[in-house]
Amino acid sequence: MTTKFQFQMSGGHKTDDFVKVAVLADPQLMDRTSIGLPPKSLVLETVEFYTDLYMRRAFVSSVMPFKPDVILFLGDYFDGGPFLSNQEWQESLSRFEHIFDVGESKRSKDIPVYYLTGNHDIGYAWHANHKPEVIERYESRFGRRNYKFTIREVDFVAIDAQVIDGTLNDDSTSRTWEFVNNVTAATYLPPPDSIYAGPGEPQGKLTRGDARKTRRS
């Protein structure tokens, strides 16, 4: 999907200035965890080859012709990310970079790319706290999991939603909630009727319960 953001001047009239953002989600590259095929088997490698080929052709022919200004990946790049060995993960990463033409030597190297985490990439709060190597290898390639960025005049906030249901005693969970509340405090508080307040919490402050309610709505 390619999204076009058009900007509005302070006087209220729209301009012809816009930015094109290619939004890509859930490629979930097949691997040995996908449908239980034996690792390194001919049938698994055949399936991987053709699904990779299909996605690459779709990306090159359907997304790149729009000449996006920015590429935004919404997570789930891999299928069994938390369960892959380092070698398997590196192999899947190489496939991902080839399919979507990203990397220092690729044709899209001049296009800014932003990444968000998915549960198929790093798992949930349990993985973050019991398998830190999964987080470390993700961040070594895709960068921080909680961050802000601006595309022209549009501000984006990326958070690791995979860990927000953990307990506040968990380091990843507490740091993610701290980031979220710092961002909301530094920007604006949502209108009272647009956000739930947890028990004993002032209206407008995000809590763990809020996220669960919002995701169910």
N, C-alpha and C. Protein backbone atom coordinates (compact mmCIF):
# COMPACT_ATOMS: atom_id res chain seq x y z
N MET A 1 0.84 -1.17 0.00
CA MET A 1 0.00 0.00 0.00
C MET A 1 0.89 1.23 0.00
N THR A 2 0.55 2.21 -0.81
CA THR A 2 1.26 3.48 -0.83
C THR A 2 0.33 4.56 -0.36
N THR A 3 0.70 5.28 0.69
CA THR A 3 -0.12 6.33 1.28
C THR A 3 0.46 7.68 0.92
N LYS A 4 -0.41 8.61 0.51
CA LYS A 4 0.03 9.95 0.15
C LYS A 4 -0.44 10.92 1.23
N PHE A 5 0.49 11.61 1.89
CA PHE A 5 0.17 12.63 2.87
C PHE A 5 0.24 13.99 2.19
N GLN A 6 -0.89 14.71 2.21
CA GLN A 6 -0.92 16.07 1.66
C GLN A 6 -0.92 17.05 2.82
N PHE A 7 -0.15 18.12 2.68
CA PHE A 7 0.02 19.04 3.78
C PHE A 7 -0.88 20.25 3.63
N GLN A 8 -1.30 20.77 4.77
CA GLN A 8 -2.18 21.93 4.80
C GLN A 8 -1.47 23.09 5.47
N MET A 9 -1.47 24.24 4.81
CA MET A 9 -0.80 25.41 5.33
C MET A 9 -1.61 25.98 6.50
N SER A 10 -0.96 26.86 7.29
CA SER A 10 -1.62 27.41 8.47
C SER A 10 -2.88 28.19 8.12
N GLY A 11 -2.95 28.72 6.89
CA GLY A 11 -4.13 29.46 6.47
C GLY A 11 -5.33 28.59 6.17
N GLY A 12 -5.14 27.28 6.12
CA GLY A 12 -6.25 26.37 5.90
C GLY A 12 -6.31 25.77 4.52
N HIS A 13 -5.60 26.35 3.54
CA HIS A 13 -5.67 25.82 2.19
C HIS A 13 -4.60 24.74 2.00
N LYS A 14 -4.94 23.76 1.18
CA LYS A 14 -4.02 22.66 0.93
C LYS A 14 -3.00 23.05 -0.13
N THR A 15 -1.87 22.38 -0.07
CA THR A 15 -0.83 22.63 -1.06
C THR A 15 -0.66 21.40 -1.93
N ASP A 16 0.12 21.53 -2.97
CA ASP A 16 0.42 20.40 -3.83
C ASP A 16 1.64 19.63 -3.33
N ASP A 17 2.14 20.05 -2.17
CA ASP A 17 3.30 19.39 -1.58
C ASP A 17 2.84 18.14 -0.84
N PHE A 18 3.34 16.99 -1.20
CA PHE A 18 2.94 15.76 -0.54
C PHE A 18 4.12 14.81 -0.47
N VAL A 19 3.99 13.81 0.36
CA VAL A 19 5.01 12.79 0.51
C VAL A 19 4.35 11.42 0.34
N LYS A 20 4.99 10.54 -0.38
CA LYS A 20 4.46 9.20 -0.64
C LYS A 20 5.14 8.20 0.27
N VAL A 21 4.35 7.50 1.07
CA VAL A 21 4.86 6.52 2.02
C VAL A 21 4.37 5.13 1.61
N ALA A 22 5.29 4.24 1.30
CA ALA A 22 4.95 2.86 0.99
C ALA A 22 4.87 2.10 2.31
N VAL A 23 3.68 1.57 2.62
CA VAL A 23 3.45 0.86 3.88
C VAL A 23 3.37 -0.63 3.59
N LEU A 24 4.31 -1.39 4.17
CA LEU A 24 4.39 -2.83 3.92
C LEU A 24 4.28 -3.58 5.24
N ALA A 25 3.48 -4.65 5.23
CA ALA A 25 3.27 -5.38 6.48
C ALA A 25 3.18 -6.88 6.24
N ASP A 26 3.65 -7.63 7.21
CA ASP A 26 3.46 -9.08 7.29
C ASP A 26 3.95 -9.89 6.10
N PRO A 27 5.16 -9.69 5.65
CA PRO A 27 5.65 -10.62 4.61
C PRO A 27 5.84 -12.03 5.16
N GLN A 28 6.18 -12.14 6.45
CA GLN A 28 6.33 -13.43 7.14
C GLN A 28 7.02 -14.48 6.26
N LEU A 29 8.28 -14.22 5.98
CA LEU A 29 9.05 -15.13 5.14
C LEU A 29 8.98 -16.56 5.69
N MET A 30 8.64 -17.49 4.83
CA MET A 30 8.50 -18.88 5.27
C MET A 30 9.83 -19.44 5.73
N ASP A 31 9.76 -20.32 6.73
CA ASP A 31 10.94 -21.01 7.23
C ASP A 31 10.49 -22.36 7.80
N ARG A 32 11.38 -23.04 8.49
CA ARG A 32 11.06 -24.38 8.98
C ARG A 32 9.93 -24.39 10.00
N THR A 33 9.63 -23.23 10.61
CA THR A 33 8.56 -23.18 11.61
C THR A 33 7.18 -22.97 10.99
N SER A 34 7.12 -22.65 9.71
CA SER A 34 5.87 -22.20 9.10
C SER A 34 4.82 -23.31 9.02
N ILE A 35 5.14 -24.39 8.33
CA ILE A 35 4.18 -25.49 8.16
C ILE A 35 4.81 -26.83 8.47
N GLY A 36 5.91 -26.80 9.23
CA GLY A 36 6.50 -28.03 9.70
C GLY A 36 7.30 -28.82 8.69
N LEU A 37 7.75 -28.17 7.62
CA LEU A 37 8.57 -28.87 6.64
C LEU A 37 9.99 -29.05 7.18
N PRO A 38 10.65 -30.14 6.85
CA PRO A 38 12.00 -30.40 7.38
C PRO A 38 12.99 -29.31 6.96
N PRO A 39 13.85 -28.87 7.89
CA PRO A 39 14.85 -27.86 7.55
C PRO A 39 15.74 -28.32 6.40
N LYS A 40 16.06 -27.39 5.50
CA LYS A 40 16.95 -27.65 4.38
C LYS A 40 16.41 -28.69 3.40
N SER A 41 15.16 -29.07 3.54
CA SER A 41 14.60 -30.05 2.61
C SER A 41 14.31 -29.39 1.27
N LEU A 42 14.25 -30.18 0.23
CA LEU A 42 13.99 -29.66 -1.11
C LEU A 42 12.64 -28.99 -1.18
N VAL A 43 11.65 -29.60 -0.53
CA VAL A 43 10.30 -29.03 -0.61
C VAL A 43 10.24 -27.67 0.10
N LEU A 44 10.92 -27.54 1.25
CA LEU A 44 10.92 -26.25 1.95
C LEU A 44 11.65 -25.20 1.13
N GLU A 45 12.80 -25.53 0.58
CA GLU A 45 13.55 -24.56 -0.21
C GLU A 45 12.79 -24.17 -1.47
N THR A 46 12.02 -25.10 -2.04
CA THR A 46 11.21 -24.78 -3.21
C THR A 46 10.11 -23.79 -2.85
N VAL A 47 9.43 -24.06 -1.74
CA VAL A 47 8.36 -23.17 -1.30
C VAL A 47 8.92 -21.79 -0.97
N GLU A 48 10.05 -21.74 -0.28
CA GLU A 48 10.69 -20.46 0.04
C GLU A 48 11.04 -19.69 -1.23
N PHE A 49 11.59 -20.40 -2.20
CA PHE A 49 12.01 -19.75 -3.44
C PHE A 49 10.83 -19.08 -4.14
N TYR A 50 9.72 -19.80 -4.28
CA TYR A 50 8.60 -19.25 -5.05
C TYR A 50 7.83 -18.19 -4.28
N THR A 51 7.71 -18.33 -2.97
CA THR A 51 7.04 -17.27 -2.21
C THR A 51 7.89 -16.00 -2.18
N ASP A 52 9.21 -16.17 -2.07
CA ASP A 52 10.11 -15.01 -2.13
C ASP A 52 10.01 -14.33 -3.49
N LEU A 53 10.00 -15.13 -4.54
CA LEU A 53 9.93 -14.59 -5.90
C LEU A 53 8.64 -13.81 -6.10
N TYR A 54 7.54 -14.36 -5.61
CA TYR A 54 6.24 -13.69 -5.75
C TYR A 54 6.27 -12.33 -5.05
N MET A 55 6.78 -12.29 -3.81
CA MET A 55 6.80 -11.02 -3.08
C MET A 55 7.74 -10.01 -3.72
N ARG A 56 8.88 -10.48 -4.22
CA ARG A 56 9.82 -9.55 -4.85
C ARG A 56 9.20 -8.95 -6.12
N ARG A 57 8.57 -9.78 -6.92
CA ARG A 57 7.94 -9.26 -8.14
C ARG A 57 6.84 -8.27 -7.80
N ALA A 58 6.05 -8.57 -6.76
CA ALA A 58 4.97 -7.67 -6.36
C ALA A 58 5.54 -6.34 -5.88
N PHE A 59 6.62 -6.39 -5.11
CA PHE A 59 7.23 -5.16 -4.60
C PHE A 59 7.81 -4.33 -5.74
N VAL A 60 8.56 -4.97 -6.61
CA VAL A 60 9.23 -4.24 -7.70
C VAL A 60 8.23 -3.67 -8.69
N SER A 61 7.15 -4.42 -8.98
CA SER A 61 6.21 -3.98 -10.01
C SER A 61 5.05 -3.15 -9.48
N SER A 62 4.71 -3.31 -8.19
CA SER A 62 3.53 -2.63 -7.66
C SER A 62 3.84 -1.49 -6.71
N VAL A 63 5.00 -1.52 -6.08
CA VAL A 63 5.34 -0.48 -5.10
C VAL A 63 6.36 0.51 -5.65
N MET A 64 7.47 -0.01 -6.15
CA MET A 64 8.55 0.87 -6.59
C MET A 64 8.18 1.80 -7.74
N PRO A 65 7.28 1.43 -8.66
CA PRO A 65 6.91 2.37 -9.72
C PRO A 65 6.30 3.67 -9.20
N PHE A 66 5.75 3.64 -7.97
CA PHE A 66 5.20 4.86 -7.39
C PHE A 66 6.29 5.79 -6.86
N LYS A 67 7.53 5.31 -6.88
CA LYS A 67 8.67 6.10 -6.40
C LYS A 67 8.40 6.68 -5.01
N PRO A 68 8.22 5.80 -4.03
CA PRO A 68 7.93 6.30 -2.68
C PRO A 68 9.07 7.13 -2.11
N ASP A 69 8.69 8.12 -1.31
CA ASP A 69 9.69 8.94 -0.63
C ASP A 69 10.21 8.23 0.62
N VAL A 70 9.37 7.37 1.18
CA VAL A 70 9.69 6.66 2.41
C VAL A 70 9.08 5.26 2.33
N ILE A 71 9.77 4.29 2.93
CA ILE A 71 9.21 2.94 3.05
C ILE A 71 9.04 2.65 4.54
N LEU A 72 7.84 2.21 4.91
CA LEU A 72 7.53 1.92 6.31
C LEU A 72 7.10 0.46 6.43
N PHE A 73 7.89 -0.33 7.16
CA PHE A 73 7.57 -1.74 7.40
C PHE A 73 6.89 -1.87 8.76
N LEU A 74 5.75 -2.57 8.77
CA LEU A 74 4.95 -2.66 9.99
C LEU A 74 5.15 -3.96 10.76
N GLY A 75 6.22 -4.69 10.50
CA GLY A 75 6.52 -5.86 11.32
C GLY A 75 6.17 -7.18 10.69
N ASP A 76 6.54 -8.25 11.42
CA ASP A 76 6.39 -9.63 10.95
C ASP A 76 7.13 -9.85 9.64
N TYR A 77 8.40 -9.52 9.65
CA TYR A 77 9.23 -9.75 8.47
C TYR A 77 9.50 -11.24 8.30
N PHE A 78 9.69 -11.90 9.42
CA PHE A 78 9.95 -13.34 9.42
C PHE A 78 8.71 -14.08 9.93
N ASP A 79 8.75 -15.40 9.88
CA ASP A 79 7.64 -16.18 10.41
C ASP A 79 7.98 -16.71 11.80
N GLY A 80 9.10 -17.40 11.92
CA GLY A 80 9.48 -17.95 13.21
C GLY A 80 10.67 -17.25 13.83
N GLY A 81 10.73 -15.93 13.69
CA GLY A 81 11.89 -15.17 14.13
C GLY A 81 12.47 -15.53 15.49
N PRO A 82 11.64 -15.60 16.56
CA PRO A 82 12.19 -15.89 17.88
C PRO A 82 12.75 -17.31 18.02
N PHE A 83 12.39 -18.19 17.10
CA PHE A 83 12.76 -19.60 17.24
C PHE A 83 13.86 -20.04 16.28
N LEU A 84 14.35 -19.10 15.49
CA LEU A 84 15.40 -19.43 14.53
C LEU A 84 16.78 -19.32 15.16
N SER A 85 17.67 -20.22 14.73
CA SER A 85 19.07 -20.09 15.16
C SER A 85 19.66 -18.84 14.51
N ASN A 86 20.81 -18.41 14.98
CA ASN A 86 21.44 -17.22 14.40
C ASN A 86 21.70 -17.40 12.91
N GLN A 87 22.13 -18.60 12.52
CA GLN A 87 22.39 -18.85 11.10
C GLN A 87 21.09 -18.78 10.30
N GLU A 88 20.04 -19.42 10.81
CA GLU A 88 18.75 -19.39 10.12
C GLU A 88 18.23 -17.96 10.03
N TRP A 89 18.40 -17.20 11.11
CA TRP A 89 17.92 -15.82 11.12
C TRP A 89 18.67 -14.98 10.10
N GLN A 90 19.98 -15.16 10.01
CA GLN A 90 20.77 -14.42 9.03
C GLN A 90 20.37 -14.78 7.60
N GLU A 91 20.06 -16.05 7.38
CA GLU A 91 19.60 -16.47 6.05
C GLU A 91 18.27 -15.82 5.71
N SER A 92 17.35 -15.77 6.68
CA SER A 92 16.06 -15.11 6.45
C SER A 92 16.24 -13.61 6.24
N LEU A 93 17.17 -13.01 6.97
CA LEU A 93 17.44 -11.59 6.79
C LEU A 93 17.97 -11.30 5.38
N SER A 94 18.85 -12.14 4.88
CA SER A 94 19.37 -11.96 3.52
C SER A 94 18.25 -12.06 2.50
N ARG A 95 17.34 -12.99 2.72
CA ARG A 95 16.19 -13.12 1.81
C ARG A 95 15.32 -11.87 1.87
N PHE A 96 15.08 -11.37 3.08
CA PHE A 96 14.26 -10.17 3.25
C PHE A 96 14.87 -8.99 2.52
N GLU A 97 16.17 -8.79 2.68
CA GLU A 97 16.84 -7.66 2.04
C GLU A 97 16.82 -7.79 0.53
N HIS A 98 16.88 -9.01 0.01
CA HIS A 98 16.82 -9.22 -1.44
C HIS A 98 15.41 -8.96 -1.96
N ILE A 99 14.41 -9.49 -1.27
CA ILE A 99 13.03 -9.34 -1.73
C ILE A 99 12.64 -7.88 -1.82
N PHE A 100 12.95 -7.11 -0.78
CA PHE A 100 12.50 -5.72 -0.70
C PHE A 100 13.59 -4.72 -1.07
N ASP A 101 14.68 -5.25 -1.61
CA ASP A 101 15.68 -4.38 -2.23
C ASP A 101 16.20 -3.33 -1.26
N VAL A 102 16.38 -3.72 0.02
CA VAL A 102 16.87 -2.77 1.01
C VAL A 102 18.28 -3.14 1.42
N GLY A 103 19.04 -2.15 1.80
CA GLY A 103 20.44 -2.37 2.16
C GLY A 103 21.33 -1.36 1.48
N GLU A 104 22.56 -1.29 1.93
CA GLU A 104 23.49 -0.27 1.44
C GLU A 104 23.76 -0.37 -0.06
N SER A 105 23.76 -1.58 -0.60
CA SER A 105 24.12 -1.75 -2.01
C SER A 105 22.91 -1.90 -2.91
N LYS A 106 21.70 -1.71 -2.38
CA LYS A 106 20.48 -1.94 -3.16
C LYS A 106 20.03 -0.68 -3.88
N ARG A 107 19.13 -0.89 -4.84
CA ARG A 107 18.65 0.24 -5.63
C ARG A 107 17.85 1.25 -4.79
N SER A 108 17.23 0.78 -3.70
CA SER A 108 16.42 1.66 -2.88
C SER A 108 17.21 2.25 -1.72
N LYS A 109 18.54 2.23 -1.81
CA LYS A 109 19.38 2.67 -0.70
C LYS A 109 19.19 4.14 -0.36
N ASP A 110 18.69 4.94 -1.29
CA ASP A 110 18.51 6.36 -1.04
C ASP A 110 17.13 6.68 -0.48
N ILE A 111 16.29 5.66 -0.30
CA ILE A 111 14.95 5.87 0.25
C ILE A 111 14.99 5.58 1.75
N PRO A 112 14.59 6.53 2.59
CA PRO A 112 14.55 6.25 4.04
C PRO A 112 13.60 5.09 4.34
N VAL A 113 14.03 4.19 5.21
CA VAL A 113 13.23 3.03 5.58
C VAL A 113 13.09 3.00 7.10
N TYR A 114 11.86 2.78 7.57
CA TYR A 114 11.58 2.69 9.00
C TYR A 114 10.95 1.34 9.30
N TYR A 115 11.28 0.80 10.49
CA TYR A 115 10.84 -0.55 10.84
C TYR A 115 10.11 -0.55 12.19
N LEU A 116 9.03 -1.33 12.26
CA LEU A 116 8.35 -1.61 13.51
C LEU A 116 8.42 -3.11 13.78
N THR A 117 8.41 -3.47 15.05
CA THR A 117 8.51 -4.89 15.40
C THR A 117 7.18 -5.60 15.25
N GLY A 118 7.26 -6.92 15.03
CA GLY A 118 6.10 -7.79 15.03
C GLY A 118 6.36 -8.97 15.94
N ASN A 119 5.30 -9.65 16.37
CA ASN A 119 5.49 -10.79 17.26
C ASN A 119 6.22 -11.95 16.57
N HIS A 120 6.11 -12.02 15.24
CA HIS A 120 6.84 -13.05 14.51
C HIS A 120 8.32 -12.71 14.36
N ASP A 121 8.69 -11.49 14.74
CA ASP A 121 10.10 -11.09 14.68
C ASP A 121 10.81 -11.31 16.01
N ILE A 122 10.15 -10.91 17.10
CA ILE A 122 10.82 -10.98 18.40
C ILE A 122 10.01 -11.69 19.48
N GLY A 123 8.78 -12.11 19.16
CA GLY A 123 7.96 -12.73 20.18
C GLY A 123 7.27 -11.70 21.06
N TYR A 124 6.97 -12.11 22.30
CA TYR A 124 6.26 -11.23 23.23
C TYR A 124 7.15 -10.91 24.43
N ALA A 125 6.54 -10.43 25.50
CA ALA A 125 7.31 -9.99 26.67
C ALA A 125 8.17 -11.11 27.23
N TRP A 126 7.68 -12.34 27.20
CA TRP A 126 8.45 -13.46 27.74
C TRP A 126 9.77 -13.61 26.99
N HIS A 127 9.73 -13.53 25.67
CA HIS A 127 10.94 -13.65 24.87
C HIS A 127 11.91 -12.51 25.16
N ALA A 128 11.36 -11.31 25.32
CA ALA A 128 12.22 -10.15 25.57
C ALA A 128 13.00 -10.30 26.86
N ASN A 129 12.42 -10.98 27.84
CA ASN A 129 13.05 -11.09 29.14
C ASN A 129 13.79 -12.40 29.35
N HIS A 130 13.48 -13.43 28.57
CA HIS A 130 14.13 -14.72 28.73
C HIS A 130 15.06 -15.09 27.57
N LYS A 131 14.90 -14.39 26.45
CA LYS A 131 15.77 -14.64 25.30
C LYS A 131 16.28 -13.30 24.76
N PRO A 132 17.09 -12.60 25.54
CA PRO A 132 17.56 -11.27 25.11
C PRO A 132 18.33 -11.29 23.81
N GLU A 133 18.91 -12.45 23.46
CA GLU A 133 19.65 -12.52 22.20
C GLU A 133 18.74 -12.29 21.00
N VAL A 134 17.45 -12.63 21.13
CA VAL A 134 16.49 -12.39 20.05
C VAL A 134 16.33 -10.89 19.82
N ILE A 135 16.25 -10.13 20.92
CA ILE A 135 16.12 -8.68 20.82
C ILE A 135 17.41 -8.07 20.28
N GLU A 136 18.53 -8.56 20.75
CA GLU A 136 19.83 -8.00 20.36
C GLU A 136 20.06 -8.14 18.85
N ARG A 137 19.77 -9.31 18.31
CA ARG A 137 20.01 -9.47 16.88
C ARG A 137 19.01 -8.67 16.04
N TYR A 138 17.77 -8.54 16.55
CA TYR A 138 16.80 -7.69 15.84
C TYR A 138 17.31 -6.25 15.79
N GLU A 139 17.68 -5.71 16.95
CA GLU A 139 18.10 -4.31 17.02
C GLU A 139 19.41 -4.07 16.28
N SER A 140 20.25 -5.11 16.16
CA SER A 140 21.51 -4.94 15.45
C SER A 140 21.29 -4.64 13.98
N ARG A 141 20.15 -5.08 13.44
CA ARG A 141 19.85 -4.83 12.03
C ARG A 141 18.77 -3.76 11.84
N PHE A 142 17.71 -3.80 12.63
CA PHE A 142 16.57 -2.93 12.39
C PHE A 142 16.52 -1.71 13.31
N GLY A 143 17.40 -1.66 14.30
CA GLY A 143 17.46 -0.49 15.16
C GLY A 143 16.53 -0.57 16.36
N ARG A 144 16.35 0.57 17.00
CA ARG A 144 15.56 0.64 18.22
C ARG A 144 14.12 0.22 17.97
N ARG A 145 13.50 -0.30 19.03
CA ARG A 145 12.11 -0.74 18.92
C ARG A 145 11.12 0.35 19.31
N ASN A 146 11.56 1.32 20.09
CA ASN A 146 10.72 2.45 20.49
C ASN A 146 11.41 3.74 20.05
N TYR A 147 10.78 4.48 19.18
CA TYR A 147 11.42 5.71 18.69
C TYR A 147 10.39 6.59 17.99
N LYS A 148 10.79 7.82 17.75
CA LYS A 148 9.97 8.78 17.02
C LYS A 148 10.68 9.17 15.73
N PHE A 149 9.92 9.48 14.71
CA PHE A 149 10.51 10.00 13.49
C PHE A 149 9.49 10.90 12.80
N THR A 150 9.99 11.75 11.95
CA THR A 150 9.14 12.72 11.26
C THR A 150 9.32 12.57 9.76
N ILE A 151 8.23 12.47 9.06
CA ILE A 151 8.23 12.46 7.60
C ILE A 151 7.61 13.77 7.14
N ARG A 152 8.48 14.65 6.67
CA ARG A 152 8.08 16.01 6.32
C ARG A 152 7.45 16.67 7.55
N GLU A 153 6.15 16.91 7.57
CA GLU A 153 5.54 17.56 8.73
C GLU A 153 4.68 16.59 9.54
N VAL A 154 4.78 15.31 9.24
CA VAL A 154 3.97 14.31 9.94
C VAL A 154 4.85 13.55 10.93
N ASP A 155 4.46 13.56 12.20
CA ASP A 155 5.21 12.88 13.24
C ASP A 155 4.67 11.46 13.43
N PHE A 156 5.59 10.50 13.54
CA PHE A 156 5.24 9.10 13.77
C PHE A 156 5.88 8.63 15.07
N VAL A 157 5.19 7.77 15.78
CA VAL A 157 5.72 7.17 17.00
C VAL A 157 5.65 5.66 16.84
N ALA A 158 6.80 5.00 16.93
CA ALA A 158 6.89 3.55 16.82
C ALA A 158 7.14 2.97 18.21
N ILE A 159 6.33 1.98 18.60
CA ILE A 159 6.54 1.33 19.89
C ILE A 159 6.55 -0.18 19.70
N ASP A 160 7.21 -0.85 20.60
CA ASP A 160 7.24 -2.31 20.60
C ASP A 160 5.98 -2.80 21.32
N ALA A 161 4.89 -2.92 20.58
CA ALA A 161 3.61 -3.32 21.17
C ALA A 161 3.61 -4.76 21.66
N GLN A 162 4.64 -5.52 21.28
CA GLN A 162 4.71 -6.92 21.68
C GLN A 162 4.91 -7.08 23.19
N VAL A 163 5.49 -6.08 23.85
CA VAL A 163 5.86 -6.25 25.26
C VAL A 163 4.97 -5.48 26.22
N ILE A 164 3.98 -4.74 25.73
CA ILE A 164 3.22 -3.88 26.64
C ILE A 164 2.29 -4.64 27.56
N ASP A 165 2.03 -5.91 27.27
CA ASP A 165 1.19 -6.70 28.17
C ASP A 165 1.99 -7.44 29.23
N GLY A 166 3.30 -7.23 29.24
CA GLY A 166 4.11 -7.83 30.29
C GLY A 166 3.92 -7.10 31.61
N THR A 167 4.56 -7.57 32.66
CA THR A 167 4.46 -6.89 33.95
C THR A 167 5.46 -5.74 33.99
N LEU A 168 5.16 -4.76 34.82
CA LEU A 168 6.03 -3.60 34.90
C LEU A 168 7.36 -3.92 35.56
N ASN A 169 7.48 -5.12 36.10
CA ASN A 169 8.77 -5.56 36.63
C ASN A 169 9.71 -5.99 35.51
N ASP A 170 9.14 -6.23 34.32
CA ASP A 170 9.96 -6.62 33.18
C ASP A 170 10.61 -5.36 32.59
N ASP A 171 11.89 -5.44 32.34
CA ASP A 171 12.63 -4.27 31.87
C ASP A 171 12.09 -3.74 30.56
N SER A 172 11.87 -4.64 29.58
CA SER A 172 11.40 -4.18 28.27
C SER A 172 10.02 -3.54 28.37
N THR A 173 9.15 -4.13 29.18
CA THR A 173 7.80 -3.58 29.34
C THR A 173 7.83 -2.22 30.00
N SER A 174 8.57 -2.08 31.09
CA SER A 174 8.61 -0.81 31.80
C SER A 174 9.24 0.29 30.95
N ARG A 175 10.28 -0.05 30.18
CA ARG A 175 10.92 0.96 29.34
C ARG A 175 10.01 1.40 28.20
N THR A 176 9.23 0.45 27.67
CA THR A 176 8.29 0.80 26.60
C THR A 176 7.20 1.72 27.11
N TRP A 177 6.64 1.42 28.30
CA TRP A 177 5.61 2.29 28.86
C TRP A 177 6.17 3.65 29.24
N GLU A 178 7.39 3.69 29.73
CA GLU A 178 8.02 4.96 30.03
C GLU A 178 8.16 5.80 28.77
N PHE A 179 8.56 5.16 27.67
CA PHE A 179 8.69 5.88 26.40
C PHE A 179 7.33 6.41 25.95
N VAL A 180 6.28 5.57 26.02
CA VAL A 180 4.95 5.99 25.57
C VAL A 180 4.47 7.19 26.37
N ASN A 181 4.59 7.14 27.69
CA ASN A 181 4.10 8.24 28.51
C ASN A 181 4.95 9.50 28.34
N ASN A 182 6.24 9.34 28.09
CA ASN A 182 7.07 10.51 27.82
C ASN A 182 6.67 11.18 26.51
N VAL A 183 6.34 10.37 25.52
CA VAL A 183 5.93 10.92 24.23
C VAL A 183 4.62 11.66 24.36
N THR A 184 3.64 11.07 25.04
CA THR A 184 2.34 11.73 25.18
C THR A 184 2.45 13.00 26.01
N ALA A 185 3.32 12.99 27.00
CA ALA A 185 3.49 14.18 27.83
C ALA A 185 4.18 15.29 27.06
N ALA A 186 5.07 14.93 26.13
CA ALA A 186 5.84 15.92 25.40
C ALA A 186 5.08 16.47 24.19
N THR A 187 4.02 15.78 23.77
CA THR A 187 3.30 16.23 22.57
C THR A 187 1.93 16.79 22.93
N TYR A 188 1.00 15.92 23.27
CA TYR A 188 -0.34 16.38 23.62
C TYR A 188 -1.06 15.26 24.35
N LEU A 189 -2.06 15.61 25.11
CA LEU A 189 -2.90 14.60 25.75
C LEU A 189 -4.15 14.43 24.90
N PRO A 190 -4.51 13.21 24.54
CA PRO A 190 -5.70 12.98 23.73
C PRO A 190 -6.95 13.50 24.43
N PRO A 191 -7.99 13.83 23.65
CA PRO A 191 -9.24 14.28 24.27
C PRO A 191 -9.75 13.23 25.25
N PRO A 192 -10.42 13.65 26.33
CA PRO A 192 -10.87 12.70 27.35
C PRO A 192 -11.73 11.58 26.81
N ASP A 193 -12.56 11.86 25.78
CA ASP A 193 -13.45 10.81 25.29
C ASP A 193 -12.77 9.88 24.29
N SER A 194 -11.47 10.08 24.05
CA SER A 194 -10.78 9.23 23.07
C SER A 194 -9.85 8.24 23.72
N ILE A 195 -9.75 8.26 25.05
CA ILE A 195 -8.81 7.36 25.71
C ILE A 195 -9.37 6.96 27.07
N TYR A 196 -9.12 5.73 27.45
CA TYR A 196 -9.58 5.24 28.74
C TYR A 196 -8.58 5.62 29.83
N ALA A 197 -9.09 5.91 31.00
CA ALA A 197 -8.21 6.10 32.15
C ALA A 197 -8.33 4.88 33.03
N GLY A 198 -7.20 4.37 33.48
CA GLY A 198 -7.20 3.21 34.36
C GLY A 198 -7.68 3.60 35.74
N PRO A 199 -8.01 2.62 36.56
CA PRO A 199 -8.47 2.90 37.92
C PRO A 199 -7.46 3.76 38.68
N GLY A 200 -7.93 4.87 39.22
CA GLY A 200 -7.06 5.73 39.98
C GLY A 200 -6.12 6.58 39.16
N GLU A 201 -6.25 6.53 37.82
CA GLU A 201 -5.37 7.30 36.95
C GLU A 201 -6.08 8.55 36.46
N PRO A 202 -5.37 9.67 36.31
CA PRO A 202 -5.99 10.87 35.74
C PRO A 202 -6.35 10.65 34.29
N GLN A 203 -7.45 11.28 33.86
CA GLN A 203 -7.88 11.13 32.48
C GLN A 203 -6.79 11.60 31.54
N GLY A 204 -6.50 10.80 30.49
CA GLY A 204 -5.53 11.19 29.50
C GLY A 204 -4.19 10.53 29.66
N LYS A 205 -3.95 9.80 30.76
CA LYS A 205 -2.68 9.11 30.94
C LYS A 205 -2.81 7.66 30.47
N LEU A 206 -1.90 7.23 29.63
CA LEU A 206 -1.95 5.88 29.10
C LEU A 206 -1.55 4.87 30.16
N THR A 207 -2.28 3.76 30.23
CA THR A 207 -1.95 2.68 31.13
C THR A 207 -1.96 1.38 30.37
N ARG A 208 -1.47 0.30 31.01
CA ARG A 208 -1.46 -1.01 30.36
C ARG A 208 -2.87 -1.45 30.02
N GLY A 209 -3.84 -1.16 30.91
CA GLY A 209 -5.22 -1.54 30.63
C GLY A 209 -5.78 -0.83 29.43
N ASP A 210 -5.35 0.43 29.23
CA ASP A 210 -5.83 1.19 28.09
C ASP A 210 -5.49 0.50 26.78
N ALA A 211 -4.28 0.01 26.68
CA ALA A 211 -3.84 -0.61 25.44
C ALA A 211 -4.66 -1.84 25.13
N ARG A 212 -4.96 -2.64 26.15
CA ARG A 212 -5.75 -3.84 25.90
C ARG A 212 -7.14 -3.48 25.44
N LYS A 213 -7.76 -2.44 26.07
CA LYS A 213 -9.09 -2.01 25.68
C LYS A 213 -9.10 -1.46 24.26
N THR A 214 -8.06 -0.68 23.94
CA THR A 214 -7.97 -0.06 22.61
C THR A 214 -7.82 -1.13 21.55
N ARG A 215 -7.01 -2.15 21.81
CA ARG A 215 -6.78 -3.17 20.80
C ARG A 215 -8.02 -4.04 20.60
N ARG A 216 -8.89 -4.14 21.63
CA ARG A 216 -10.10 -4.92 21.47
C ARG A 216 -11.16 -4.15 20.74
N SER A 217 -11.09 -2.82 20.73
CA SER A 217 -12.13 -2.01 20.12
C SER A 217 -11.99 -2.00 18.60
